[in-house]
Amino acid sequence: MKKTIFLALLAIFSLSALPAFATETSTKATETSTEPNSKLSAEEISSYRARVEEIRDMDKSNMTVSEKNDLKNEVKDIKATMHKSGVYLYIGGSTILIIILLLIIL
């Protein structure tokens, strides 16, 4: 019984380690930012937020499809820029499953 639990936990831990070794190979992410780990100032963050709110409040019923796509791409770029500047913790699905199982068992 102990051997099967040990093997199951070993398999789950080894499978959950794969995202930790993954690297970003996207060229778009390196092209858009000049400094990869740059922090945004409070003024830049507030201007980005104001622009996103302005885009969301626009009346898009009279716009063409290409104009709507341009706005959508602009919002995506702003979100990507804000995401790069922040600190995010990534927890894989299998890691969450292990934590829940350990909480139940213990």
N, C-alpha and C. Protein backbone atom coordinates (compact mmCIF):
# COMPACT_ATOMS: atom_id res chain seq x y z
N MET A 1 0.82 -1.20 0.00
CA MET A 1 0.00 0.00 0.00
C MET A 1 0.86 1.26 0.00
N LYS A 2 1.90 1.25 0.87
CA LYS A 2 2.77 2.42 0.95
C LYS A 2 3.56 2.60 -0.34
N LYS A 3 3.91 1.49 -0.97
CA LYS A 3 4.69 1.56 -2.19
C LYS A 3 3.87 2.16 -3.33
N THR A 4 2.59 1.82 -3.43
CA THR A 4 1.75 2.36 -4.50
C THR A 4 1.49 3.85 -4.29
N ILE A 5 1.29 4.25 -3.04
CA ILE A 5 1.08 5.67 -2.76
C ILE A 5 2.35 6.45 -3.08
N PHE A 6 3.50 5.88 -2.71
CA PHE A 6 4.77 6.53 -3.01
C PHE A 6 4.98 6.67 -4.51
N LEU A 7 4.69 5.63 -5.26
CA LEU A 7 4.86 5.68 -6.71
C LEU A 7 3.88 6.66 -7.36
N ALA A 8 2.66 6.70 -6.84
CA ALA A 8 1.67 7.63 -7.39
C ALA A 8 2.09 9.08 -7.13
N LEU A 9 2.53 9.37 -5.91
CA LEU A 9 2.99 10.73 -5.60
C LEU A 9 4.24 11.09 -6.39
N LEU A 10 5.14 10.13 -6.58
CA LEU A 10 6.34 10.38 -7.36
C LEU A 10 5.99 10.72 -8.81
N ALA A 11 5.03 9.99 -9.38
CA ALA A 11 4.61 10.26 -10.75
C ALA A 11 3.94 11.62 -10.86
N ILE A 12 3.11 11.97 -9.91
CA ILE A 12 2.42 13.26 -9.95
C ILE A 12 3.42 14.40 -9.80
N PHE A 13 4.37 14.26 -8.87
CA PHE A 13 5.36 15.33 -8.69
C PHE A 13 6.24 15.48 -9.92
N SER A 14 6.61 14.38 -10.53
CA SER A 14 7.48 14.48 -11.70
C SER A 14 6.73 15.08 -12.90
N LEU A 15 5.44 14.81 -13.02
CA LEU A 15 4.67 15.39 -14.11
C LEU A 15 4.37 16.86 -13.88
N SER A 16 4.26 17.28 -12.64
CA SER A 16 3.96 18.68 -12.35
C SER A 16 5.19 19.56 -12.48
N ALA A 17 6.37 18.98 -12.59
CA ALA A 17 7.59 19.77 -12.71
C ALA A 17 7.84 20.23 -14.14
N LEU A 18 7.14 19.70 -15.12
CA LEU A 18 7.37 20.07 -16.51
C LEU A 18 7.16 21.56 -16.79
N PRO A 19 6.10 22.21 -16.31
CA PRO A 19 5.95 23.64 -16.59
C PRO A 19 7.06 24.50 -15.98
N ALA A 20 7.71 24.01 -14.95
CA ALA A 20 8.77 24.79 -14.31
C ALA A 20 9.98 24.92 -15.22
N PHE A 21 10.19 23.94 -16.10
CA PHE A 21 11.35 23.96 -16.99
C PHE A 21 11.03 24.50 -18.37
N ALA A 22 9.80 24.89 -18.60
CA ALA A 22 9.41 25.40 -19.91
C ALA A 22 9.97 26.80 -20.10
N THR A 23 10.33 27.12 -21.34
CA THR A 23 10.83 28.45 -21.65
C THR A 23 9.93 29.09 -22.68
N GLU A 24 9.92 30.40 -22.67
CA GLU A 24 9.10 31.13 -23.63
C GLU A 24 9.92 31.31 -24.90
N THR A 25 9.39 30.81 -26.01
CA THR A 25 10.11 30.93 -27.28
C THR A 25 9.42 31.89 -28.22
N SER A 26 8.47 32.63 -27.72
CA SER A 26 7.73 33.56 -28.56
C SER A 26 8.60 34.74 -28.94
N THR A 27 8.66 35.05 -30.24
CA THR A 27 9.44 36.19 -30.68
C THR A 27 8.67 37.49 -30.51
N LYS A 28 7.34 37.40 -30.49
CA LYS A 28 6.52 38.60 -30.33
C LYS A 28 6.75 39.22 -28.96
N ALA A 29 6.89 38.40 -27.93
CA ALA A 29 7.09 38.92 -26.59
C ALA A 29 8.43 39.64 -26.47
N THR A 30 9.45 39.16 -27.16
CA THR A 30 10.75 39.83 -27.07
C THR A 30 10.82 41.05 -27.96
N GLU A 31 10.03 41.10 -29.02
CA GLU A 31 10.05 42.24 -29.91
C GLU A 31 9.32 43.45 -29.33
N THR A 32 8.24 43.22 -28.60
CA THR A 32 7.42 44.33 -28.14
C THR A 32 8.00 45.04 -26.93
N SER A 33 8.79 44.37 -26.12
CA SER A 33 9.31 45.05 -24.95
C SER A 33 10.81 45.25 -25.08
N THR A 34 11.28 46.44 -24.73
CA THR A 34 12.70 46.73 -24.81
C THR A 34 13.44 46.18 -23.61
N GLU A 35 12.82 46.24 -22.45
CA GLU A 35 13.41 45.68 -21.24
C GLU A 35 12.50 44.56 -20.76
N PRO A 36 12.99 43.31 -20.71
CA PRO A 36 12.10 42.20 -20.39
C PRO A 36 11.52 42.24 -18.98
N ASN A 37 12.27 42.73 -18.01
CA ASN A 37 11.78 42.74 -16.63
C ASN A 37 11.53 44.14 -16.13
N SER A 38 11.11 45.04 -16.99
CA SER A 38 10.90 46.42 -16.59
C SER A 38 9.59 46.55 -15.82
N LYS A 39 9.63 47.38 -14.81
CA LYS A 39 8.43 47.66 -14.03
C LYS A 39 7.79 48.93 -14.56
N LEU A 40 6.48 48.94 -14.61
CA LEU A 40 5.75 50.12 -15.06
C LEU A 40 5.56 51.08 -13.89
N SER A 41 5.63 52.35 -14.18
CA SER A 41 5.39 53.34 -13.13
C SER A 41 3.88 53.45 -12.90
N ALA A 42 3.53 54.08 -11.82
CA ALA A 42 2.11 54.24 -11.48
C ALA A 42 1.41 55.09 -12.53
N GLU A 43 2.13 56.06 -13.09
CA GLU A 43 1.54 56.91 -14.12
C GLU A 43 1.23 56.11 -15.40
N GLU A 44 2.15 55.22 -15.78
CA GLU A 44 1.92 54.39 -16.97
C GLU A 44 0.76 53.43 -16.76
N ILE A 45 0.69 52.85 -15.58
CA ILE A 45 -0.40 51.92 -15.27
C ILE A 45 -1.74 52.64 -15.31
N SER A 46 -1.80 53.82 -14.74
CA SER A 46 -3.06 54.56 -14.74
C SER A 46 -3.45 54.98 -16.16
N SER A 47 -2.46 55.33 -16.99
CA SER A 47 -2.80 55.70 -18.37
C SER A 47 -3.29 54.49 -19.16
N TYR A 48 -2.67 53.32 -18.94
CA TYR A 48 -3.15 52.09 -19.59
C TYR A 48 -4.57 51.76 -19.16
N ARG A 49 -4.83 51.86 -17.86
CA ARG A 49 -6.17 51.55 -17.36
C ARG A 49 -7.21 52.52 -17.91
N ALA A 50 -6.83 53.80 -17.97
CA ALA A 50 -7.76 54.80 -18.52
C ALA A 50 -8.06 54.50 -19.99
N ARG A 51 -7.04 54.09 -20.75
CA ARG A 51 -7.26 53.78 -22.17
C ARG A 51 -8.16 52.56 -22.33
N VAL A 52 -7.96 51.54 -21.51
CA VAL A 52 -8.81 50.34 -21.59
C VAL A 52 -10.25 50.69 -21.24
N GLU A 53 -10.44 51.50 -20.20
CA GLU A 53 -11.79 51.91 -19.84
C GLU A 53 -12.42 52.75 -20.95
N GLU A 54 -11.62 53.59 -21.58
CA GLU A 54 -12.11 54.41 -22.67
C GLU A 54 -12.55 53.54 -23.85
N ILE A 55 -11.78 52.52 -24.15
CA ILE A 55 -12.14 51.61 -25.25
C ILE A 55 -13.41 50.84 -24.91
N ARG A 56 -13.53 50.40 -23.67
CA ARG A 56 -14.72 49.64 -23.27
C ARG A 56 -15.98 50.49 -23.27
N ASP A 57 -15.84 51.78 -23.00
CA ASP A 57 -17.00 52.66 -22.96
C ASP A 57 -17.40 53.20 -24.33
N MET A 58 -16.61 52.92 -25.35
CA MET A 58 -16.92 53.42 -26.69
C MET A 58 -18.18 52.78 -27.25
N ASP A 59 -18.86 53.52 -28.10
CA ASP A 59 -20.00 52.97 -28.84
C ASP A 59 -19.45 52.31 -30.10
N LYS A 60 -19.46 50.99 -30.10
CA LYS A 60 -18.84 50.25 -31.20
C LYS A 60 -19.85 49.81 -32.26
N SER A 61 -21.07 50.27 -32.14
CA SER A 61 -22.09 49.82 -33.09
C SER A 61 -21.89 50.41 -34.48
N ASN A 62 -21.27 51.58 -34.58
CA ASN A 62 -21.05 52.22 -35.88
C ASN A 62 -19.67 51.94 -36.47
N MET A 63 -18.88 51.12 -35.80
CA MET A 63 -17.52 50.86 -36.25
C MET A 63 -17.49 49.70 -37.25
N THR A 64 -16.47 49.72 -38.09
CA THR A 64 -16.29 48.60 -39.01
C THR A 64 -15.59 47.46 -38.28
N VAL A 65 -15.55 46.32 -38.94
CA VAL A 65 -14.94 45.14 -38.33
C VAL A 65 -13.44 45.36 -38.10
N SER A 66 -12.79 46.01 -39.04
CA SER A 66 -11.34 46.24 -38.89
C SER A 66 -11.05 47.20 -37.74
N GLU A 67 -11.90 48.21 -37.54
CA GLU A 67 -11.71 49.13 -36.41
C GLU A 67 -11.91 48.40 -35.08
N LYS A 68 -12.91 47.53 -35.04
CA LYS A 68 -13.13 46.76 -33.81
C LYS A 68 -11.95 45.84 -33.53
N ASN A 69 -11.40 45.22 -34.59
CA ASN A 69 -10.25 44.34 -34.40
C ASN A 69 -9.03 45.13 -33.93
N ASP A 70 -8.85 46.34 -34.45
CA ASP A 70 -7.74 47.18 -34.00
C ASP A 70 -7.86 47.50 -32.51
N LEU A 71 -9.06 47.82 -32.07
CA LEU A 71 -9.27 48.12 -30.65
C LEU A 71 -9.04 46.87 -29.80
N LYS A 72 -9.51 45.74 -30.29
CA LYS A 72 -9.33 44.48 -29.55
C LYS A 72 -7.84 44.15 -29.42
N ASN A 73 -7.09 44.36 -30.51
CA ASN A 73 -5.65 44.09 -30.46
C ASN A 73 -4.93 45.07 -29.55
N GLU A 74 -5.40 46.31 -29.51
CA GLU A 74 -4.80 47.29 -28.61
C GLU A 74 -5.01 46.90 -27.15
N VAL A 75 -6.20 46.43 -26.82
CA VAL A 75 -6.48 45.99 -25.45
C VAL A 75 -5.62 44.78 -25.11
N LYS A 76 -5.46 43.85 -26.05
CA LYS A 76 -4.62 42.68 -25.80
C LYS A 76 -3.17 43.08 -25.56
N ASP A 77 -2.68 44.04 -26.33
CA ASP A 77 -1.30 44.50 -26.15
C ASP A 77 -1.12 45.17 -24.79
N ILE A 78 -2.09 45.96 -24.39
CA ILE A 78 -2.02 46.61 -23.08
C ILE A 78 -2.02 45.58 -21.97
N LYS A 79 -2.89 44.58 -22.09
CA LYS A 79 -2.93 43.53 -21.06
C LYS A 79 -1.63 42.75 -21.01
N ALA A 80 -1.05 42.48 -22.18
CA ALA A 80 0.23 41.76 -22.22
C ALA A 80 1.33 42.58 -21.58
N THR A 81 1.35 43.88 -21.83
CA THR A 81 2.35 44.75 -21.24
C THR A 81 2.20 44.80 -19.73
N MET A 82 0.98 44.89 -19.26
CA MET A 82 0.75 44.94 -17.82
C MET A 82 1.06 43.60 -17.18
N HIS A 83 0.80 42.52 -17.92
CA HIS A 83 1.09 41.18 -17.39
C HIS A 83 2.59 40.97 -17.25
N LYS A 84 3.37 41.47 -18.21
CA LYS A 84 4.83 41.31 -18.16
C LYS A 84 5.44 42.06 -17.00
N SER A 85 4.86 43.17 -16.62
CA SER A 85 5.46 43.99 -15.58
C SER A 85 5.12 43.50 -14.18
N GLY A 86 4.10 42.68 -14.05
CA GLY A 86 3.69 42.22 -12.73
C GLY A 86 4.35 40.92 -12.34
N VAL A 87 4.15 40.53 -11.08
CA VAL A 87 4.67 39.28 -10.57
C VAL A 87 3.51 38.31 -10.46
N TYR A 88 3.61 37.20 -11.15
CA TYR A 88 2.55 36.22 -11.15
C TYR A 88 3.10 34.87 -10.71
N LEU A 89 2.31 34.13 -9.99
CA LEU A 89 2.67 32.80 -9.54
C LEU A 89 1.89 31.79 -10.35
N TYR A 90 2.59 30.85 -10.97
CA TYR A 90 1.95 29.82 -11.78
C TYR A 90 1.95 28.52 -11.02
N ILE A 91 0.76 27.97 -10.80
CA ILE A 91 0.61 26.68 -10.15
C ILE A 91 -0.11 25.77 -11.13
N GLY A 92 0.53 24.68 -11.48
CA GLY A 92 -0.04 23.74 -12.43
C GLY A 92 -1.22 22.99 -11.85
N GLY A 93 -2.01 22.39 -12.73
CA GLY A 93 -3.19 21.66 -12.30
C GLY A 93 -2.86 20.45 -11.46
N SER A 94 -1.81 19.74 -11.83
CA SER A 94 -1.44 18.56 -11.05
C SER A 94 -0.92 18.95 -9.67
N THR A 95 -0.28 20.10 -9.58
CA THR A 95 0.20 20.56 -8.28
C THR A 95 -0.96 20.89 -7.36
N ILE A 96 -1.99 21.50 -7.89
CA ILE A 96 -3.18 21.79 -7.09
C ILE A 96 -3.84 20.49 -6.65
N LEU A 97 -3.88 19.52 -7.54
CA LEU A 97 -4.45 18.22 -7.20
C LEU A 97 -3.67 17.57 -6.07
N ILE A 98 -2.37 17.64 -6.11
CA ILE A 98 -1.53 17.06 -5.05
C ILE A 98 -1.79 17.77 -3.73
N ILE A 99 -1.87 19.06 -3.75
CA ILE A 99 -2.11 19.82 -2.52
C ILE A 99 -3.46 19.45 -1.92
N ILE A 100 -4.47 19.33 -2.75
CA ILE A 100 -5.80 18.95 -2.26
C ILE A 100 -5.77 17.55 -1.68
N LEU A 101 -5.11 16.61 -2.36
CA LEU A 101 -5.02 15.24 -1.86
C LEU A 101 -4.27 15.19 -0.53
N LEU A 102 -3.20 15.93 -0.44
CA LEU A 102 -2.46 15.94 0.83
C LEU A 102 -3.27 16.56 1.96
N LEU A 103 -4.06 17.58 1.66
CA LEU A 103 -4.92 18.15 2.69
C LEU A 103 -5.99 17.17 3.15
N ILE A 104 -6.51 16.39 2.20
CA ILE A 104 -7.53 15.40 2.55
C ILE A 104 -6.92 14.27 3.38
N ILE A 105 -5.76 13.81 2.96
CA ILE A 105 -5.12 12.69 3.66
C ILE A 105 -4.63 13.10 5.05
N LEU A 106 -4.03 14.28 5.12
CA LEU A 106 -3.48 14.71 6.40
C LEU A 106 -4.52 15.49 7.14
